[in-house]
PDB file of N, CA and C in Angstrom:
ATOM      1  N   MET A   1      17.241 -10.643  -0.964  1.00  0.00           N
ATOM      2  CA  MET A   1      17.375 -10.491   0.682  1.00  0.00           C
ATOM      3  C   MET A   1      16.492 -11.396   1.284  1.00  0.00           C
ATOM      4  N   GLN A   2      17.044 -12.295   2.187  1.00  0.00           N
ATOM      5  CA  GLN A   2      16.243 -13.222   2.839  1.00  0.00           C
ATOM      6  C   GLN A   2      16.190 -13.051   4.371  1.00  0.00           C
ATOM      7  N   GLY A   3      15.067 -13.091   5.066  1.00  0.00           N
ATOM      8  CA  GLY A   3      15.136 -13.007   6.427  1.00  0.00           C
ATOM      9  C   GLY A   3      15.649 -11.514   6.948  1.00  0.00           C
ATOM     10  N   GLY A   4      15.244 -10.571   6.279  1.00  0.00           N
ATOM     11  CA  GLY A   4      15.524  -9.252   6.781  1.00  0.00           C
ATOM     12  C   GLY A   4      16.904  -8.806   6.517  1.00  0.00           C
ATOM     13  N   GLU A   5      17.661  -9.470   5.802  1.00  0.00           N
ATOM     14  CA  GLU A   5      19.261  -9.146   5.487  1.00  0.00           C
ATOM     15  C   GLU A   5      19.183  -7.761   4.783  1.00  0.00           C
ATOM     16  N   GLN A   6      20.178  -6.979   5.281  1.00  0.00           N
ATOM     17  CA  GLN A   6      20.284  -5.579   4.633  1.00  0.00           C
ATOM     18  C   GLN A   6      21.692  -5.686   3.983  1.00  0.00           C
ATOM     19  N   ILE A   7      21.762  -5.256   2.731  1.00  0.00           N
ATOM     20  CA  ILE A   7      22.831  -5.004   1.930  1.00  0.00           C
ATOM     21  C   ILE A   7      23.614  -3.787   2.335  1.00  0.00           C
ATOM     22  N   VAL A   8      24.700  -4.051   2.741  1.00  0.00           N
ATOM     23  CA  VAL A   8      25.689  -2.730   3.207  1.00  0.00           C
ATOM     24  C   VAL A   8      26.615  -2.564   1.881  1.00  0.00           C
ATOM     25  N   TYR A   9      26.584  -1.161   1.588  1.00  0.00           N
ATOM     26  CA  TYR A   9      27.544  -0.854   0.490  1.00  0.00           C
ATOM     27  C   TYR A   9      27.938   0.447   0.822  1.00  0.00           C
ATOM     28  N   ALA A  10      29.021   0.776   0.053  1.00  0.00           N
ATOM     29  CA  ALA A  10      29.816   2.176   0.394  1.00  0.00           C
ATOM     30  C   ALA A  10      30.263   2.613  -1.115  1.00  0.00           C
ATOM     31  N   VAL A  11      30.712   3.801  -1.034  1.00  0.00           N
ATOM     32  CA  VAL A  11      31.100   4.591  -2.029  1.00  0.00           C
ATOM     33  C   VAL A  11      32.459   4.985  -1.632  1.00  0.00           C
ATOM     34  N   ILE A  12      33.690   4.398  -2.179  1.00  0.00           N
ATOM     35  CA  ILE A  12      35.013   4.832  -1.850  1.00  0.00           C
ATOM     36  C   ILE A  12      35.697   5.678  -2.803  1.00  0.00           C
ATOM     37  N   ARG A  13      36.716   6.453  -2.559  1.00  0.00           N
ATOM     38  CA  ARG A  13      37.581   7.133  -3.521  1.00  0.00           C
ATOM     39  C   ARG A  13      38.861   6.474  -3.611  1.00  0.00           C
ATOM     40  N   SER A  14      39.399   6.133  -4.751  1.00  0.00           N
ATOM     41  CA  SER A  14      40.810   5.455  -4.844  1.00  0.00           C
ATOM     42  C   SER A  14      41.238   5.974  -6.246  1.00  0.00           C
ATOM     43  N   GLY A  15      42.477   6.547  -6.234  1.00  0.00           N
ATOM     44  CA  GLY A  15      43.011   6.803  -7.476  1.00  0.00           C
ATOM     45  C   GLY A  15      42.368   7.900  -8.182  1.00  0.00           C
ATOM     46  N   GLY A  16      41.778   8.761  -7.723  1.00  0.00           N
ATOM     47  CA  GLY A  16      40.759   9.744  -8.365  1.00  0.00           C
ATOM     48  C   GLY A  16      39.424   9.396  -8.960  1.00  0.00           C
ATOM     49  N   LYS A  17      39.255   8.183  -8.562  1.00  0.00           N
ATOM     50  CA  LYS A  17      37.905   7.702  -9.126  1.00  0.00           C
ATOM     51  C   LYS A  17      37.246   7.378  -7.884  1.00  0.00           C
ATOM     52  N   GLN A  18      35.711   7.177  -8.130  1.00  0.00           N
ATOM     53  CA  GLN A  18      34.754   6.738  -7.046  1.00  0.00           C
ATOM     54  C   GLN A  18      34.195   5.402  -7.468  1.00  0.00           C
ATOM     55  N   TYR A  19      34.097   4.515  -6.453  1.00  0.00           N
ATOM     56  CA  TYR A  19      33.684   3.021  -6.703  1.00  0.00           C
ATOM     57  C   TYR A  19      32.599   2.789  -5.653  1.00  0.00           C
ATOM     58  N   ARG A  20      31.488   2.092  -6.044  1.00  0.00           N
ATOM     59  CA  ARG A  20      30.428   1.732  -5.177  1.00  0.00           C
ATOM     60  C   ARG A  20      30.796   0.197  -5.055  1.00  0.00           C
ATOM     61  N   VAL A  21      30.962  -0.337  -3.704  1.00  0.00           N
ATOM     62  CA  VAL A  21      31.470  -1.557  -3.428  1.00  0.00           C
ATOM     63  C   VAL A  21      30.577  -2.218  -2.224  1.00  0.00           C
ATOM     64  N   GLN A  22      30.472  -3.647  -2.330  1.00  0.00           N
ATOM     65  CA  GLN A  22      29.726  -4.424  -1.501  1.00  0.00           C
ATOM     66  C   GLN A  22      30.619  -5.346  -0.870  1.00  0.00           C
ATOM     67  N   SER A  23      30.500  -5.855   0.290  1.00  0.00           N
ATOM     68  CA  SER A  23      31.327  -6.991   0.937  1.00  0.00           C
ATOM     69  C   SER A  23      31.344  -8.181  -0.001  1.00  0.00           C
ATOM     70  N   GLY A  24      32.416  -8.731  -0.301  1.00  0.00           N
ATOM     71  CA  GLY A  24      32.657 -10.104  -1.083  1.00  0.00           C
ATOM     72  C   GLY A  24      32.705  -9.806  -2.490  1.00  0.00           C
ATOM     73  N   GLU A  25      32.684  -8.505  -3.017  1.00  0.00           N
ATOM     74  CA  GLU A  25      32.771  -8.501  -4.594  1.00  0.00           C
ATOM     75  C   GLU A  25      34.364  -8.132  -4.757  1.00  0.00           C
ATOM     76  N   GLN A  26      34.462  -8.323  -6.172  1.00  0.00           N
ATOM     77  CA  GLN A  26      35.875  -8.039  -6.530  1.00  0.00           C
ATOM     78  C   GLN A  26      35.817  -6.769  -7.519  1.00  0.00           C
ATOM     79  N   LEU A  27      36.861  -5.960  -7.380  1.00  0.00           N
ATOM     80  CA  LEU A  27      36.921  -4.886  -8.203  1.00  0.00           C
ATOM     81  C   LEU A  27      38.367  -4.421  -8.619  1.00  0.00           C
ATOM     82  N   ARG A  28      38.451  -3.749  -9.583  1.00  0.00           N
ATOM     83  CA  ARG A  28      39.729  -3.286 -10.263  1.00  0.00           C
ATOM     84  C   ARG A  28      39.842  -1.789 -10.063  1.00  0.00           C
ATOM     85  N   VAL A  29      41.120  -1.258  -9.439  1.00  0.00           N
ATOM     86  CA  VAL A  29      41.334  -0.062  -9.019  1.00  0.00           C
ATOM     87  C   VAL A  29      42.621   0.356  -9.693  1.00  0.00           C
ATOM     88  N   GLU A  30      42.906   1.748  -9.795  1.00  0.00           N
ATOM     89  CA  GLU A  30      44.288   2.022 -10.183  1.00  0.00           C
ATOM     90  C   GLU A  30      45.402   1.421  -9.361  1.00  0.00           C
ATOM     91  N   ALA A  31      46.392   1.076 -10.127  1.00  0.00           N
ATOM     92  CA  ALA A  31      47.568   0.453  -9.470  1.00  0.00           C
ATOM     93  C   ALA A  31      47.876   0.816  -8.016  1.00  0.00           C
ATOM     94  N   LEU A  32      47.955  -0.049  -7.075  1.00  0.00           N
ATOM     95  CA  LEU A  32      48.381   0.254  -5.499  1.00  0.00           C
ATOM     96  C   LEU A  32      49.913  -0.256  -5.305  1.00  0.00           C
ATOM     97  N   GLU A  33      50.547   0.281  -4.577  1.00  0.00           N
ATOM     98  CA  GLU A  33      51.814  -0.236  -4.408  1.00  0.00           C
ATOM     99  C   GLU A  33      51.697  -1.171  -2.837  1.00  0.00           C
ATOM    100  N   GLN A  34      51.058  -2.269  -3.308  1.00  0.00           N
ATOM    101  CA  GLN A  34      50.798  -3.465  -2.110  1.00  0.00           C
ATOM    102  C   GLN A  34      51.190  -4.623  -2.721  1.00  0.00           C
ATOM    103  N   PRO A  35      51.619  -5.505  -1.890  1.00  0.00           N
ATOM    104  CA  PRO A  35      52.006  -6.798  -2.649  1.00  0.00           C
ATOM    105  C   PRO A  35      50.665  -7.504  -2.422  1.00  0.00           C
ATOM    106  N   VAL A  36      50.672  -8.714  -3.408  1.00  0.00           N
ATOM    107  CA  VAL A  36      49.620  -9.610  -3.629  1.00  0.00           C
ATOM    108  C   VAL A  36      49.330 -10.387  -2.153  1.00  0.00           C
ATOM    109  N   GLY A  37      47.981 -10.374  -1.613  1.00  0.00           N
ATOM    110  CA  GLY A  37      47.827 -10.978  -0.356  1.00  0.00           C
ATOM    111  C   GLY A  37      47.770  -9.851   0.858  1.00  0.00           C
ATOM    112  N   ALA A  38      48.253  -8.639   0.498  1.00  0.00           N
ATOM    113  CA  ALA A  38      48.165  -7.725   1.608  1.00  0.00           C
ATOM    114  C   ALA A  38      46.812  -7.164   1.903  1.00  0.00           C
ATOM    115  N   ALA A  39      46.706  -6.648   3.181  1.00  0.00           N
ATOM    116  CA  ALA A  39      45.468  -5.929   3.426  1.00  0.00           C
ATOM    117  C   ALA A  39      45.319  -4.507   3.334  1.00  0.00           C
ATOM    118  N   VAL A  40      44.347  -4.142   2.645  1.00  0.00           N
ATOM    119  CA  VAL A  40      44.334  -2.607   2.350  1.00  0.00           C
ATOM    120  C   VAL A  40      43.170  -1.948   2.893  1.00  0.00           C
ATOM    121  N   SER A  41      43.113  -0.863   3.490  1.00  0.00           N
ATOM    122  CA  SER A  41      42.072  -0.156   4.129  1.00  0.00           C
ATOM    123  C   SER A  41      41.841   1.320   3.489  1.00  0.00           C
ATOM    124  N   PHE A  42      40.674   1.404   3.075  1.00  0.00           N
ATOM    125  CA  PHE A  42      40.259   2.782   2.584  1.00  0.00           C
ATOM    126  C   PHE A  42      39.557   3.678   3.627  1.00  0.00           C
ATOM    127  N   GLU A  43      40.037   4.788   3.928  1.00  0.00           N
ATOM    128  CA  GLU A  43      39.532   5.560   4.940  1.00  0.00           C
ATOM    129  C   GLU A  43      38.654   6.703   4.287  1.00  0.00           C
ATOM    130  N   GLU A  44      38.729   6.973   2.884  1.00  0.00           N
ATOM    131  CA  GLU A  44      38.197   7.926   2.122  1.00  0.00           C
ATOM    132  C   GLU A  44      36.691   7.390   1.628  1.00  0.00           C
ATOM    133  N   VAL A  45      35.819   7.223   2.697  1.00  0.00           N
ATOM    134  CA  VAL A  45      34.506   6.636   2.289  1.00  0.00           C
ATOM    135  C   VAL A  45      33.416   7.882   2.266  1.00  0.00           C
ATOM    136  N   LEU A  46      32.849   7.881   1.099  1.00  0.00           N
ATOM    137  CA  LEU A  46      31.945   8.966   0.894  1.00  0.00           C
ATOM    138  C   LEU A  46      30.626   8.910   1.189  1.00  0.00           C
ATOM    139  N   LEU A  47      30.132   7.701   1.144  1.00  0.00           N
ATOM    140  CA  LEU A  47      28.880   7.291   1.511  1.00  0.00           C
ATOM    141  C   LEU A  47      28.737   5.826   2.119  1.00  0.00           C
ATOM    142  N   VAL A  48      27.934   5.533   2.985  1.00  0.00           N
ATOM    143  CA  VAL A  48      27.482   4.148   3.518  1.00  0.00           C
ATOM    144  C   VAL A  48      26.237   4.004   3.540  1.00  0.00           C
ATOM    145  N   GLY A  49      25.716   2.869   2.991  1.00  0.00           N
ATOM    146  CA  GLY A  49      24.214   2.779   2.791  1.00  0.00           C
ATOM    147  C   GLY A  49      24.036   1.288   3.444  1.00  0.00           C
ATOM    148  N   ASP A  50      22.817   1.083   4.133  1.00  0.00           N
ATOM    149  CA  ASP A  50      22.352  -0.215   4.629  1.00  0.00           C
ATOM    150  C   ASP A  50      21.044  -0.231   4.655  1.00  0.00           C
ATOM    151  N   GLY A  51      20.377  -0.827   3.441  1.00  0.00           N
ATOM    152  CA  GLY A  51      18.902  -0.850   3.372  1.00  0.00           C
ATOM    153  C   GLY A  51      18.354   0.545   3.077  1.00  0.00           C
ATOM    154  N   ASP A  52      17.608   0.929   3.907  1.00  0.00           N
ATOM    155  CA  ASP A  52      16.757   2.197   3.868  1.00  0.00           C
ATOM    156  C   ASP A  52      17.739   3.395   4.396  1.00  0.00           C
ATOM    157  N   GLY A  53      18.635   3.143   5.313  1.00  0.00           N
ATOM    158  CA  GLY A  53      19.557   4.304   5.903  1.00  0.00           C
ATOM    159  C   GLY A  53      20.672   4.473   5.075  1.00  0.00           C
ATOM    160  N   VAL A  54      20.936   5.792   5.014  1.00  0.00           N
ATOM    161  CA  VAL A  54      22.209   6.139   4.002  1.00  0.00           C
ATOM    162  C   VAL A  54      22.960   7.132   4.977  1.00  0.00           C
ATOM    163  N   LYS A  55      24.300   7.138   4.992  1.00  0.00           N
ATOM    164  CA  LYS A  55      25.093   8.070   5.572  1.00  0.00           C
ATOM    165  C   LYS A  55      25.817   8.731   4.634  1.00  0.00           C
ATOM    166  N   VAL A  56      25.824  10.031   4.456  1.00  0.00           N
ATOM    167  CA  VAL A  56      26.568  10.675   3.280  1.00  0.00           C
ATOM    168  C   VAL A  56      27.569  11.590   4.171  1.00  0.00           C
ATOM    169  N   GLY A  57      28.964  11.577   3.659  1.00  0.00           N
ATOM    170  CA  GLY A  57      29.901  12.106   4.370  1.00  0.00           C
ATOM    171  C   GLY A  57      30.003  13.729   3.870  1.00  0.00           C
ATOM    172  N   ALA A  58      30.743  14.573   4.518  1.00  0.00           N
ATOM    173  CA  ALA A  58      30.983  15.809   4.287  1.00  0.00           C
ATOM    174  C   ALA A  58      32.403  16.145   4.428  1.00  0.00           C
ATOM    175  N   PRO A  59      33.350  15.894   3.769  1.00  0.00           N
ATOM    176  CA  PRO A  59      33.423  15.019   2.560  1.00  0.00           C
ATOM    177  C   PRO A  59      33.459  13.479   2.687  1.00  0.00           C
ATOM    178  N   PHE A  60      33.804  12.952   4.005  1.00  0.00           N
ATOM    179  CA  PHE A  60      33.924  11.749   4.236  1.00  0.00           C
ATOM    180  C   PHE A  60      33.117  11.368   5.444  1.00  0.00           C
ATOM    181  N   VAL A  61      32.599  10.112   5.516  1.00  0.00           N
ATOM    182  CA  VAL A  61      31.780   9.566   6.681  1.00  0.00           C
ATOM    183  C   VAL A  61      32.899   9.273   7.720  1.00  0.00           C
ATOM    184  N   SER A  62      32.732  10.020   8.930  1.00  0.00           N
ATOM    185  CA  SER A  62      33.774   9.828   9.956  1.00  0.00           C
ATOM    186  C   SER A  62      33.711   8.466  10.566  1.00  0.00           C
ATOM    187  N   GLY A  63      34.726   7.807  10.906  1.00  0.00           N
ATOM    188  CA  GLY A  63      34.904   6.520  11.436  1.00  0.00           C
ATOM    189  C   GLY A  63      34.583   5.333  10.348  1.00  0.00           C
ATOM    190  N   ALA A  64      34.097   5.524   9.194  1.00  0.00           N
ATOM    191  CA  ALA A  64      34.010   4.501   8.295  1.00  0.00           C
ATOM    192  C   ALA A  64      35.251   4.153   7.493  1.00  0.00           C
ATOM    193  N   LYS A  65      35.168   2.663   7.247  1.00  0.00           N
ATOM    194  CA  LYS A  65      36.535   2.136   6.582  1.00  0.00           C
ATOM    195  C   LYS A  65      35.847   0.957   5.731  1.00  0.00           C
ATOM    196  N   VAL A  66      36.719   0.857   4.598  1.00  0.00           N
ATOM    197  CA  VAL A  66      36.480  -0.365   3.807  1.00  0.00           C
ATOM    198  C   VAL A  66      37.678  -1.004   3.951  1.00  0.00           C
ATOM    199  N   LYS A  67      37.597  -2.350   4.196  1.00  0.00           N
ATOM    200  CA  LYS A  67      38.776  -3.197   4.374  1.00  0.00           C
ATOM    201  C   LYS A  67      38.827  -4.234   3.084  1.00  0.00           C
ATOM    202  N   ALA A  68      39.966  -4.568   2.323  1.00  0.00           N
ATOM    203  CA  ALA A  68      39.955  -5.254   1.206  1.00  0.00           C
ATOM    204  C   ALA A  68      41.228  -5.979   1.290  1.00  0.00           C
ATOM    205  N   THR A  69      41.383  -6.939   0.286  1.00  0.00           N
ATOM    206  CA  THR A  69      42.663  -7.940   0.177  1.00  0.00           C
ATOM    207  C   THR A  69      43.073  -7.643  -1.259  1.00  0.00           C
ATOM    208  N   VAL A  70      44.331  -7.460  -1.403  1.00  0.00           N
ATOM    209  CA  VAL A  70      44.832  -7.601  -2.862  1.00  0.00           C
ATOM    210  C   VAL A  70      44.983  -8.980  -3.366  1.00  0.00           C
ATOM    211  N   LEU A  71      44.279  -9.201  -4.467  1.00  0.00           N
ATOM    212  CA  LEU A  71      44.383 -10.359  -5.158  1.00  0.00           C
ATOM    213  C   LEU A  71      45.453 -10.486  -6.340  1.00  0.00           C
ATOM    214  N   ALA A  72      45.510  -9.454  -6.919  1.00  0.00           N
ATOM    215  CA  ALA A  72      46.419  -9.612  -8.292  1.00  0.00           C
ATOM    216  C   ALA A  72      46.768  -8.225  -8.708  1.00  0.00           C
ATOM    217  N   HIS A  73      47.727  -8.140  -9.626  1.00  0.00           N
ATOM    218  CA  HIS A  73      48.143  -6.905 -10.316  1.00  0.00           C
ATOM    219  C   HIS A  73      48.095  -7.346 -11.687  1.00  0.00           C
ATOM    220  N   GLY A  74      47.888  -6.250 -12.543  1.00  0.00           N
ATOM    221  CA  GLY A  74      47.937  -6.543 -14.032  1.00  0.00           C
ATOM    222  C   GLY A  74      47.766  -5.312 -14.784  1.00  0.00           C
ATOM    223  N   ARG A  75      47.662  -5.527 -16.169  1.00  0.00           N
ATOM    224  CA  ARG A  75      47.652  -4.317 -17.103  1.00  0.00           C
ATOM    225  C   ARG A  75      46.407  -4.585 -17.975  1.00  0.00           C
ATOM    226  N   GLY A  76      45.634  -3.584 -18.102  1.00  0.00           N
ATOM    227  CA  GLY A  76      44.399  -3.677 -19.114  1.00  0.00           C
ATOM    228  C   GLY A  76      44.641  -3.716 -20.531  1.00  0.00           C
ATOM    229  N   ASP A  77      43.878  -3.643 -21.215  1.00  0.00           N
ATOM    230  CA  ASP A  77      43.810  -3.879 -22.674  1.00  0.00           C
ATOM    231  C   ASP A  77      44.501  -2.555 -23.163  1.00  0.00           C
ATOM    232  N   LYS A  78      45.031  -2.919 -24.300  1.00  0.00           N
ATOM    233  CA  LYS A  78      45.982  -1.678 -25.099  1.00  0.00           C
ATOM    234  C   LYS A  78      44.934  -0.776 -25.674  1.00  0.00           C
ATOM    235  N   VAL A  79      45.089   0.579 -25.347  1.00  0.00           N
ATOM    236  CA  VAL A  79      44.212   1.492 -26.172  1.00  0.00           C
ATOM    237  C   VAL A  79      45.171   2.176 -27.154  1.00  0.00           C
ATOM    238  N   ARG A  80      44.683   2.247 -28.286  1.00  0.00           N
ATOM    239  CA  ARG A  80      45.313   2.871 -29.537  1.00  0.00           C
ATOM    240  C   ARG A  80      44.899   4.416 -29.741  1.00  0.00           C
ATOM    241  N   ILE A  81      45.948   5.232 -29.738  1.00  0.00           N
ATOM    242  CA  ILE A  81      45.770   6.653 -30.096  1.00  0.00           C
ATOM    243  C   ILE A  81      46.410   6.940 -31.332  1.00  0.00           C
ATOM    244  N   PHE A  82      45.556   7.518 -32.272  1.00  0.00           N
ATOM    245  CA  PHE A  82      46.135   7.870 -33.536  1.00  0.00           C
ATOM    246  C   PHE A  82      45.595   9.206 -33.887  1.00  0.00           C
ATOM    247  N   LYS A  83      46.630  10.094 -33.931  1.00  0.00           N
ATOM    248  CA  LYS A  83      46.268  11.571 -34.535  1.00  0.00           C
ATOM    249  C   LYS A  83      46.879  11.653 -35.993  1.00  0.00           C
ATOM    250  N   LEU A  84      45.972  12.326 -36.746  1.00  0.00           N
ATOM    251  CA  LEU A  84      46.189  12.754 -38.102  1.00  0.00           C
ATOM    252  C   LEU A  84      45.928  14.106 -38.565  1.00  0.00           C
ATOM    253  N   ARG A  85      46.853  14.721 -39.355  1.00  0.00           N
ATOM    254  CA  ARG A  85      46.494  16.030 -39.643  1.00  0.00           C
ATOM    255  C   ARG A  85      46.382  16.026 -41.230  1.00  0.00           C
ATOM    256  N   ARG A  86      45.068  15.994 -41.967  1.00  0.00           N
ATOM    257  CA  ARG A  86      44.941  15.702 -43.211  1.00  0.00           C
ATOM    258  C   ARG A  86      45.665  16.837 -44.122  1.00  0.00           C
ATOM    259  N   ARG A  87      46.370  16.298 -45.041  1.00  0.00           N
ATOM    260  CA  ARG A  87      47.109  17.056 -46.049  1.00  0.00           C
ATOM    261  C   ARG A  87      48.452  17.828 -45.434  1.00  0.00           C
ATOM    262  N   LYS A  88      48.685  17.576 -44.287  1.00  0.00           N
ATOM    263  CA  LYS A  88      49.701  17.978 -43.576  1.00  0.00           C
ATOM    264  C   LYS A  88      51.092  17.190 -43.442  1.00  0.00           C
ATOM    265  N   HIS A  89      50.840  16.019 -43.800  1.00  0.00           N
ATOM    266  CA  HIS A  89      51.914  15.030 -43.694  1.00  0.00           C
ATOM    267  C   HIS A  89      52.471  14.745 -42.245  1.00  0.00           C
ATOM    268  N   TYR A  90      51.422  14.534 -41.429  1.00  0.00           N
ATOM    269  CA  TYR A  90      51.512  14.361 -39.975  1.00  0.00           C
ATOM    270  C   TYR A  90      50.691  13.210 -39.577  1.00  0.00           C
ATOM    271  N   GLN A  91      51.508  12.352 -39.061  1.00  0.00           N
ATOM    272  CA  GLN A  91      50.690  11.180 -38.383  1.00  0.00           C
ATOM    273  C   GLN A  91      51.531  10.774 -37.070  1.00  0.00           C
ATOM    274  N   LYS A  92      50.659  10.370 -36.047  1.00  0.00           N
ATOM    275  CA  LYS A  92      51.349  10.065 -34.771  1.00  0.00           C
ATOM    276  C   LYS A  92      50.488   8.836 -34.294  1.00  0.00           C
ATOM    277  N   SER A  93      51.270   7.707 -33.940  1.00  0.00           N
ATOM    278  CA  SER A  93      50.512   6.568 -33.618  1.00  0.00           C
ATOM    279  C   SER A  93      51.141   6.230 -32.024  1.00  0.00           C
ATOM    280  N   GLN A  94      50.247   6.103 -31.131  1.00  0.00           N
ATOM    281  CA  GLN A  94      50.725   5.775 -29.785  1.00  0.00           C
ATOM    282  C   GLN A  94      49.869   4.678 -29.098  1.00  0.00           C
ATOM    283  N   GLY A  95      50.288   4.005 -27.969  1.00  0.00           N
ATOM    284  CA  GLY A  95      49.579   2.855 -27.431  1.00  0.00           C
ATOM    285  C   GLY A  95      49.740   3.067 -25.978  1.00  0.00           C
ATOM    286  N   HIS A  96      48.765   2.647 -25.170  1.00  0.00           N
ATOM    287  CA  HIS A  96      48.734   2.790 -23.635  1.00  0.00           C
ATOM    288  C   HIS A  96      48.128   1.576 -23.095  1.00  0.00           C
ATOM    289  N   ARG A  97      48.733   1.104 -21.912  1.00  0.00           N
ATOM    290  CA  ARG A  97      48.113   0.032 -21.239  1.00  0.00           C
ATOM    291  C   ARG A  97      48.098   0.390 -19.737  1.00  0.00           C
ATOM    292  N   GLN A  98      46.899   0.557 -19.166  1.00  0.00           N
ATOM    293  CA  GLN A  98      46.846   1.096 -17.693  1.00  0.00           C
ATOM    294  C   GLN A  98      47.002  -0.048 -16.861  1.00  0.00           C
ATOM    295  N   SER A  99      47.842   0.141 -15.812  1.00  0.00           N
ATOM    296  CA  SER A  99      48.092  -0.765 -14.741  1.00  0.00           C
ATOM    297  C   SER A  99      46.851  -0.702 -13.827  1.00  0.00           C
ATOM    298  N   TYR A 100      46.558  -1.913 -13.206  1.00  0.00           N
ATOM    299  CA  TYR A 100      45.484  -2.079 -12.220  1.00  0.00           C
ATOM    300  C   TYR A 100      45.755  -3.077 -11.104  1.00  0.00           C
ATOM    301  N   THR A 101      45.093  -2.888  -9.937  1.00  0.00           N
ATOM    302  CA  THR A 101      45.171  -3.735  -8.982  1.00  0.00           C
ATOM    303  C   THR A 101      43.621  -4.426  -8.690  1.00  0.00           C
ATOM    304  N   GLU A 102      43.726  -5.578  -8.624  1.00  0.00           N
ATOM    305  CA  GLU A 102      42.465  -6.351  -8.369  1.00  0.00           C
ATOM    306  C   GLU A 102      42.292  -6.592  -6.914  1.00  0.00           C
ATOM    307  N   LEU A 103      41.240  -6.193  -6.325  1.00  0.00           N
ATOM    308  CA  LEU A 103      40.809  -6.295  -4.949  1.00  0.00           C
ATOM    309  C   LEU A 103      39.663  -7.138  -4.618  1.00  0.00           C
ATOM    310  N   ARG A 104      39.637  -7.713  -3.337  1.00  0.00           N
ATOM    311  CA  ARG A 104      38.468  -8.425  -2.962  1.00  0.00           C
ATOM    312  C   ARG A 104      38.056  -7.581  -1.625  1.00  0.00           C
ATOM    313  N   ILE A 105      36.741  -7.016  -1.625  1.00  0.00           N
ATOM    314  CA  ILE A 105      36.143  -6.317  -0.352  1.00  0.00           C
ATOM    315  C   ILE A 105      35.833  -7.269   0.513  1.00  0.00           C
ATOM    316  N   ASP A 106      36.459  -7.177   1.804  1.00  0.00           N
ATOM    317  CA  ASP A 106      36.170  -8.070   2.931  1.00  0.00           C
ATOM    318  C   ASP A 106      35.138  -7.514   3.781  1.00  0.00           C
ATOM    319  N   ASP A 107      35.124  -6.201   4.169  1.00  0.00           N
ATOM    320  CA  ASP A 107      34.399  -5.723   5.360  1.00  0.00           C
ATOM    321  C   ASP A 107      34.138  -4.326   4.939  1.00  0.00           C
ATOM    322  N   ILE A 108      32.937  -3.776   5.533  1.00  0.00           N
ATOM    323  CA  ILE A 108      32.629  -2.413   5.377  1.00  0.00           C
ATOM    324  C   ILE A 108      32.293  -1.950   6.893  1.00  0.00           C
ATOM    325  N   VAL A 109      33.208  -1.174   7.509  1.00  0.00           N
ATOM    326  CA  VAL A 109      32.879  -0.695   9.031  1.00  0.00           C
ATOM    327  C   VAL A 109      32.084   0.628   8.636  1.00  0.00           C
ATOM    328  N   GLN A 110      31.026   0.552   9.361  1.00  0.00           N
ATOM    329  CA  GLN A 110      30.301   1.899   9.342  1.00  0.00           C
ATOM    330  C   GLN A 110      30.751   2.745  10.339  1.00  0.00           C
ATOM    331  N   GLY A 111      30.788   4.024  10.150  1.00  0.00           N
ATOM    332  CA  GLY A 111      31.245   4.992  11.260  1.00  0.00           C
ATOM    333  C   GLY A 111      30.036   5.530  11.980  1.00  0.00           C
ATOM    334  N   GLY A 112      30.489   6.072  13.165  1.00  0.00           N
ATOM    335  CA  GLY A 112      29.556   6.615  13.994  1.00  0.00           C
ATOM    336  C   GLY A 112      29.165   7.892  13.656  1.00  0.00           C
TER     337      GLY A 112
END
């Protein structure tokens, strides 16, 4: 931090998970039904912090928003699921690839 700059960060909820975000960073969230290049706004902001001050919502910070842009859609690495019951002649193999949306955080609007 130079010249008294304060880093503004927020905690948002998306897809049943919570993410700590800062302006300018990229992050992967559960798949969103938005085209690439679309602007996305998150109103479910749980916490906003700027340096020493922290606003905690109950459950959300009123008036706070996080604006982001959709960069890409994709699927994560394959997860192997293998079940085995020894001596029972039972084996089951399964795979799963989770879809995701990659976002760039553009702006954090602090609520009043």
